[in-house]
Amino acid sequence: SLLVGMVASVTSAGGQVAIVGHPQFGLLAAVEMGAKLERIALIPHPGPDPIEIAAVLLDGMDLVVLGLSGTAVSLSRARAVQARARNKGATLLVTGGSWDGTEVWLDAQVGHYRGVVARGADRSIGRLCTYRLRASARGRSFQPRTTEFDVCWVNNQVEWVAASESADAARTDTALAPVQVVGL
């Protein structure tokens, strides 16, 4: 949700986003969060060197999302790509691997779910009304920060609102994969 929300936020504000190495990226979820598909370049299977593909895309994109699929990137290569991102005024967001020299780490956990909007005669099919997302950021140049917000289905679209307390919410501890942001 955090990744999809970031893509939606950048594209709805007029930015260009490339998504590299994320074959399961939820385009429908991104559109429901306000993303503009015409501003998204999707490279689900980038071949043997996804880092080079991402580096080239930094030339024309505001945000490049790079899925590493468990790969570790050396400090020297990471520094070269980070320098390119800074030079081009772009942001590189890395998931699913290890990137030496990361400037900011983002992490998100689903706090709990609330309600289901039922559809169908038997009311057994539906959509979650709201879920709480707890997002944390830590970096080399600032103290760790955490915030919570509710991701809600309102008027046929997804909205992110400041967290509110809910007495009937069921608690879960589903952890999502950390995201690394480099080249800010």
C-alpha atoms as a PDB file:
ATOM      1  CA  SER A   1       0.000   0.000   0.000  1.00  0.00           C
ATOM      2  CA  LEU A   2       2.774   2.430   0.812  1.00  0.00           C
ATOM      3  CA  LEU A   3       4.514   1.811  -2.506  1.00  0.00           C
ATOM      4  CA  VAL A   4       1.277   2.005  -4.502  1.00  0.00           C
ATOM      5  CA  GLY A   5       0.305   5.165  -2.644  1.00  0.00           C
ATOM      6  CA  MET A   6       3.646   6.796  -3.432  1.00  0.00           C
ATOM      7  CA  VAL A   7       3.273   5.974  -7.134  1.00  0.00           C
ATOM      8  CA  ALA A   8      -0.273   7.358  -7.100  1.00  0.00           C
ATOM      9  CA  SER A   9       0.824  10.519  -5.326  1.00  0.00           C
ATOM     10  CA  VAL A  10       3.664  11.261  -7.756  1.00  0.00           C
ATOM     11  CA  THR A  11       1.639  10.590 -10.921  1.00  0.00           C
ATOM     12  CA  SER A  12      -1.465  12.457  -9.754  1.00  0.00           C
ATOM     13  CA  ALA A  13       0.776  15.495  -9.095  1.00  0.00           C
ATOM     14  CA  GLY A  14       2.046  15.344 -12.688  1.00  0.00           C
ATOM     15  CA  GLY A  15       5.233  13.342 -12.165  1.00  0.00           C
ATOM     16  CA  GLN A  16       6.545  10.453 -14.254  1.00  0.00           C
ATOM     17  CA  VAL A  17       7.179   7.066 -12.602  1.00  0.00           C
ATOM     18  CA  ALA A  18       8.997   3.958 -13.827  1.00  0.00           C
ATOM     19  CA  ILE A  19       8.444   0.641 -12.059  1.00  0.00           C
ATOM     20  CA  VAL A  20      11.216  -1.878 -12.727  1.00  0.00           C
ATOM     21  CA  GLY A  21      11.191  -5.511 -11.603  1.00  0.00           C
ATOM     22  CA  HIS A  22       7.737  -5.573  -9.999  1.00  0.00           C
ATOM     23  CA  PRO A  23       5.686  -7.977 -12.141  1.00  0.00           C
ATOM     24  CA  GLN A  24       2.909  -8.122  -9.518  1.00  0.00           C
ATOM     25  CA  PHE A  25       2.542  -4.342  -9.114  1.00  0.00           C
ATOM     26  CA  GLY A  26      -1.134  -3.501  -8.610  1.00  0.00           C
ATOM     27  CA  LEU A  27      -2.036  -1.053 -11.365  1.00  0.00           C
ATOM     28  CA  LEU A  28      -5.738  -1.238 -10.492  1.00  0.00           C
ATOM     29  CA  ALA A  29      -4.957  -0.420  -6.860  1.00  0.00           C
ATOM     30  CA  ALA A  30      -2.797   2.497  -8.026  1.00  0.00           C
ATOM     31  CA  VAL A  31      -5.624   3.857 -10.189  1.00  0.00           C
ATOM     32  CA  GLU A  32      -8.040   3.500  -7.267  1.00  0.00           C
ATOM     33  CA  MET A  33      -5.603   5.624  -5.243  1.00  0.00           C
ATOM     34  CA  GLY A  34      -5.548   8.301  -7.945  1.00  0.00           C
ATOM     35  CA  ALA A  35      -2.590   7.265 -10.135  1.00  0.00           C
ATOM     36  CA  LYS A  36      -2.498   8.373 -13.762  1.00  0.00           C
ATOM     37  CA  LEU A  37      -1.627   5.341 -15.922  1.00  0.00           C
ATOM     38  CA  GLU A  38      -0.306   7.520 -18.744  1.00  0.00           C
ATOM     39  CA  ARG A  39       2.449   8.667 -16.356  1.00  0.00           C
ATOM     40  CA  ILE A  40       3.634   5.146 -15.435  1.00  0.00           C
ATOM     41  CA  ALA A  41       6.233   3.104 -17.319  1.00  0.00           C
ATOM     42  CA  LEU A  42       6.094  -0.541 -16.250  1.00  0.00           C
ATOM     43  CA  ILE A  43       9.069  -2.852 -16.881  1.00  0.00           C
ATOM     44  CA  PRO A  44       8.009  -6.027 -15.038  1.00  0.00           C
ATOM     45  CA  HIS A  45      10.872  -8.253 -16.271  1.00  0.00           C
ATOM     46  CA  PRO A  46      13.940  -6.040 -16.874  1.00  0.00           C
ATOM     47  CA  GLY A  47      16.357  -8.823 -17.784  1.00  0.00           C
ATOM     48  CA  PRO A  48      19.760  -9.611 -16.322  1.00  0.00           C
ATOM     49  CA  ASP A  49      20.668  -6.086 -15.172  1.00  0.00           C
ATOM     50  CA  PRO A  50      17.672  -4.263 -13.667  1.00  0.00           C
ATOM     51  CA  ILE A  51      19.996  -1.772 -11.964  1.00  0.00           C
ATOM     52  CA  GLU A  52      21.258  -0.487 -15.316  1.00  0.00           C
ATOM     53  CA  ILE A  53      17.685  -0.221 -16.632  1.00  0.00           C
ATOM     54  CA  ALA A  54      16.718   1.810 -13.546  1.00  0.00           C
ATOM     55  CA  ALA A  55      19.809   4.025 -13.932  1.00  0.00           C
ATOM     56  CA  VAL A  56      18.895   4.870 -17.527  1.00  0.00           C
ATOM     57  CA  LEU A  57      15.288   5.604 -16.548  1.00  0.00           C
ATOM     58  CA  LEU A  58      16.473   8.143 -13.962  1.00  0.00           C
ATOM     59  CA  ASP A  59      17.210  10.462 -16.906  1.00  0.00           C
ATOM     60  CA  GLY A  60      13.527  11.082 -17.657  1.00  0.00           C
ATOM     61  CA  MET A  61      11.549  10.084 -14.573  1.00  0.00           C
ATOM     62  CA  ASP A  62      10.721  11.746 -11.285  1.00  0.00           C
ATOM     63  CA  LEU A  63      10.531   8.434  -9.418  1.00  0.00           C
ATOM     64  CA  VAL A  64      12.054   5.083 -10.341  1.00  0.00           C
ATOM     65  CA  VAL A  65      10.928   2.064  -8.320  1.00  0.00           C
ATOM     66  CA  LEU A  66      13.442  -0.796  -8.510  1.00  0.00           C
ATOM     67  CA  GLY A  67      12.630  -4.312  -7.324  1.00  0.00           C
ATOM     68  CA  LEU A  68      15.873  -6.153  -6.578  1.00  0.00           C
ATOM     69  CA  SER A  69      14.388  -9.625  -5.906  1.00  0.00           C
ATOM     70  CA  GLY A  70      16.873 -10.331  -3.108  1.00  0.00           C
ATOM     71  CA  THR A  71      19.945  -8.936  -4.882  1.00  0.00           C
ATOM     72  CA  ALA A  72      22.630  -7.070  -2.948  1.00  0.00           C
ATOM     73  CA  VAL A  73      24.127  -4.013  -4.661  1.00  0.00           C
ATOM     74  CA  SER A  74      27.739  -3.060  -3.932  1.00  0.00           C
ATOM     75  CA  LEU A  75      28.536   0.333  -2.457  1.00  0.00           C
ATOM     76  CA  SER A  76      30.496   1.472  -5.543  1.00  0.00           C
ATOM     77  CA  ARG A  77      27.648   0.656  -7.931  1.00  0.00           C
ATOM     78  CA  ALA A  78      25.058   2.115  -5.562  1.00  0.00           C
ATOM     79  CA  ARG A  79      27.026   5.366  -5.311  1.00  0.00           C
ATOM     80  CA  ALA A  80      27.223   5.687  -9.102  1.00  0.00           C
ATOM     81  CA  VAL A  81      23.450   5.243  -9.493  1.00  0.00           C
ATOM     82  CA  GLN A  82      22.747   7.580  -6.567  1.00  0.00           C
ATOM     83  CA  ALA A  83      24.933  10.258  -8.142  1.00  0.00           C
ATOM     84  CA  ARG A  84      22.971   9.928 -11.369  1.00  0.00           C
ATOM     85  CA  ALA A  85      19.685  10.269  -9.480  1.00  0.00           C
ATOM     86  CA  ARG A  86      20.909  13.426  -7.718  1.00  0.00           C
ATOM     87  CA  ASN A  87      22.227  14.871 -10.987  1.00  0.00           C
ATOM     88  CA  LYS A  88      18.882  14.284 -12.727  1.00  0.00           C
ATOM     89  CA  GLY A  89      16.745  15.423  -9.768  1.00  0.00           C
ATOM     90  CA  ALA A  90      15.049  12.017  -9.522  1.00  0.00           C
ATOM     91  CA  THR A  91      14.270   9.681  -6.655  1.00  0.00           C
ATOM     92  CA  LEU A  92      15.189   5.995  -6.662  1.00  0.00           C
ATOM     93  CA  LEU A  93      13.058   3.753  -4.463  1.00  0.00           C
ATOM     94  CA  VAL A  94      14.508   0.266  -3.951  1.00  0.00           C
ATOM     95  CA  THR A  95      12.568  -2.774  -2.683  1.00  0.00           C
ATOM     96  CA  GLY A  96      13.346  -6.418  -2.056  1.00  0.00           C
ATOM     97  CA  GLY A  97      17.109  -6.335  -1.739  1.00  0.00           C
ATOM     98  CA  SER A  98      20.100  -4.676  -0.144  1.00  0.00           C
ATOM     99  CA  TRP A  99      21.353  -1.296  -1.373  1.00  0.00           C
ATOM    100  CA  ASP A 100      24.500   0.014   0.326  1.00  0.00           C
ATOM    101  CA  GLY A 101      24.374   3.727   1.063  1.00  0.00           C
ATOM    102  CA  THR A 102      20.620   4.003   1.518  1.00  0.00           C
ATOM    103  CA  GLU A 103      19.637   7.482   2.687  1.00  0.00           C
ATOM    104  CA  VAL A 104      16.125   6.711   3.976  1.00  0.00           C
ATOM    105  CA  TRP A 105      14.426   3.466   5.004  1.00  0.00           C
ATOM    106  CA  LEU A 106      10.631   3.206   4.907  1.00  0.00           C
ATOM    107  CA  ASP A 107       8.693   0.391   6.512  1.00  0.00           C
ATOM    108  CA  ALA A 108       4.970  -0.242   6.785  1.00  0.00           C
ATOM    109  CA  GLN A 109       2.783  -2.628   8.743  1.00  0.00           C
ATOM    110  CA  VAL A 110      -0.925  -3.190   8.583  1.00  0.00           C
ATOM    111  CA  GLY A 111      -2.280  -2.360  12.037  1.00  0.00           C
ATOM    112  CA  HIS A 112      -5.820  -3.671  11.660  1.00  0.00           C
ATOM    113  CA  TYR A 113      -8.767  -4.015   9.314  1.00  0.00           C
ATOM    114  CA  ARG A 114     -12.262  -2.617   9.733  1.00  0.00           C
ATOM    115  CA  GLY A 115     -15.582  -3.517   8.131  1.00  0.00           C
ATOM    116  CA  VAL A 116     -16.519  -5.025   4.822  1.00  0.00           C
ATOM    117  CA  VAL A 117     -18.757  -3.456   2.208  1.00  0.00           C
ATOM    118  CA  ALA A 118     -20.830  -6.489   1.213  1.00  0.00           C
ATOM    119  CA  ARG A 119     -21.768  -7.205  -2.371  1.00  0.00           C
ATOM    120  CA  GLY A 120     -23.987  -9.923  -3.731  1.00  0.00           C
ATOM    121  CA  ALA A 121     -27.149 -11.582  -2.455  1.00  0.00           C
ATOM    122  CA  ASP A 122     -25.366 -13.742   0.129  1.00  0.00           C
ATOM    123  CA  ARG A 123     -23.243 -10.764   1.334  1.00  0.00           C
ATOM    124  CA  SER A 124     -20.198 -13.042   1.456  1.00  0.00           C
ATOM    125  CA  ILE A 125     -18.291 -11.096  -1.181  1.00  0.00           C
ATOM    126  CA  GLY A 126     -17.053  -7.612  -0.469  1.00  0.00           C
ATOM    127  CA  ARG A 127     -14.339  -5.062  -0.003  1.00  0.00           C
ATOM    128  CA  LEU A 128     -12.616  -3.921   3.173  1.00  0.00           C
ATOM    129  CA  CYS A 129     -13.856  -0.512   4.288  1.00  0.00           C
ATOM    130  CA  THR A 130     -10.644   0.583   6.009  1.00  0.00           C
ATOM    131  CA  TYR A 131      -7.283  -0.664   7.137  1.00  0.00           C
ATOM    132  CA  ARG A 132      -4.765   1.062   9.380  1.00  0.00           C
ATOM    133  CA  LEU A 133      -1.256   1.448   8.022  1.00  0.00           C
ATOM    134  CA  ARG A 134       1.634   2.238  10.361  1.00  0.00           C
ATOM    135  CA  ALA A 135       4.503   3.781   8.379  1.00  0.00           C
ATOM    136  CA  SER A 136       7.984   4.381   9.747  1.00  0.00           C
ATOM    137  CA  ALA A 137      10.905   6.299   8.286  1.00  0.00           C
ATOM    138  CA  ARG A 138      14.490   6.310   9.425  1.00  0.00           C
ATOM    139  CA  GLY A 139      17.554   7.800   7.856  1.00  0.00           C
ATOM    140  CA  ARG A 140      21.111   8.845   8.392  1.00  0.00           C
ATOM    141  CA  SER A 141      20.245  12.512   8.863  1.00  0.00           C
ATOM    142  CA  PHE A 142      17.108  12.431  11.026  1.00  0.00           C
ATOM    143  CA  GLN A 143      15.509  10.680  13.978  1.00  0.00           C
ATOM    144  CA  PRO A 144      13.143   7.784  13.236  1.00  0.00           C
ATOM    145  CA  ARG A 145       9.507   8.816  12.735  1.00  0.00           C
ATOM    146  CA  THR A 146       6.296   6.800  12.739  1.00  0.00           C
ATOM    147  CA  THR A 147       2.788   7.758  11.712  1.00  0.00           C
ATOM    148  CA  GLU A 148      -0.494   5.945  11.270  1.00  0.00           C
ATOM    149  CA  PHE A 149      -3.204   6.549   8.744  1.00  0.00           C
ATOM    150  CA  ASP A 150      -6.319   4.800   7.534  1.00  0.00           C
ATOM    151  CA  VAL A 151      -6.615   3.670   3.945  1.00  0.00           C
ATOM    152  CA  CYS A 152     -10.361   3.965   3.232  1.00  0.00           C
ATOM    153  CA  TRP A 153     -12.690   3.109   0.359  1.00  0.00           C
ATOM    154  CA  VAL A 154     -14.838   6.245  -0.018  1.00  0.00           C
ATOM    155  CA  ASN A 155     -17.023   7.234  -2.995  1.00  0.00           C
ATOM    156  CA  ASN A 156     -15.525   4.576  -5.287  1.00  0.00           C
ATOM    157  CA  GLN A 157     -11.939   5.594  -4.614  1.00  0.00           C
ATOM    158  CA  VAL A 158      -9.220   4.989  -2.057  1.00  0.00           C
ATOM    159  CA  GLU A 159      -8.389   7.828   0.330  1.00  0.00           C
ATOM    160  CA  TRP A 160      -5.624   8.118   2.919  1.00  0.00           C
ATOM    161  CA  VAL A 161      -6.752   9.909   6.068  1.00  0.00           C
ATOM    162  CA  ALA A 162      -5.264  10.585   9.490  1.00  0.00           C
ATOM    163  CA  ALA A 163      -5.717   7.553  11.722  1.00  0.00           C
ATOM    164  CA  SER A 164      -8.814   7.395  13.898  1.00  0.00           C
ATOM    165  CA  GLU A 165      -9.508   5.037  16.740  1.00  0.00           C
ATOM    166  CA  SER A 166     -11.882   2.158  16.129  1.00  0.00           C
ATOM    167  CA  ALA A 167     -13.282   0.022  18.928  1.00  0.00           C
ATOM    168  CA  ASP A 168     -14.431  -2.770  16.612  1.00  0.00           C
ATOM    169  CA  ALA A 169     -11.143  -3.154  14.691  1.00  0.00           C
ATOM    170  CA  ALA A 170      -9.518  -6.577  14.586  1.00  0.00           C
ATOM    171  CA  ARG A 171      -5.791  -6.473  15.309  1.00  0.00           C
ATOM    172  CA  THR A 172      -3.259  -8.119  12.978  1.00  0.00           C
ATOM    173  CA  ASP A 173       0.494  -7.957  12.783  1.00  0.00           C
ATOM    174  CA  THR A 174       1.022  -8.414   9.048  1.00  0.00           C
ATOM    175  CA  ALA A 175       4.417  -6.960   8.167  1.00  0.00           C
ATOM    176  CA  LEU A 176       5.149  -5.571   4.727  1.00  0.00           C
ATOM    177  CA  ALA A 177       8.576  -5.556   3.135  1.00  0.00           C
ATOM    178  CA  PRO A 178      10.803  -2.568   3.880  1.00  0.00           C
ATOM    179  CA  VAL A 179      11.407  -0.002   1.143  1.00  0.00           C
ATOM    180  CA  GLN A 180      14.693   1.862   0.659  1.00  0.00           C
ATOM    181  CA  VAL A 181      14.717   5.365  -0.796  1.00  0.00           C
ATOM    182  CA  VAL A 182      17.979   6.496  -2.327  1.00  0.00           C
ATOM    183  CA  GLY A 183      19.012   9.483  -4.393  1.00  0.00           C
ATOM    184  CA  LEU A 184      16.868  12.110  -2.698  1.00  0.00           C
END
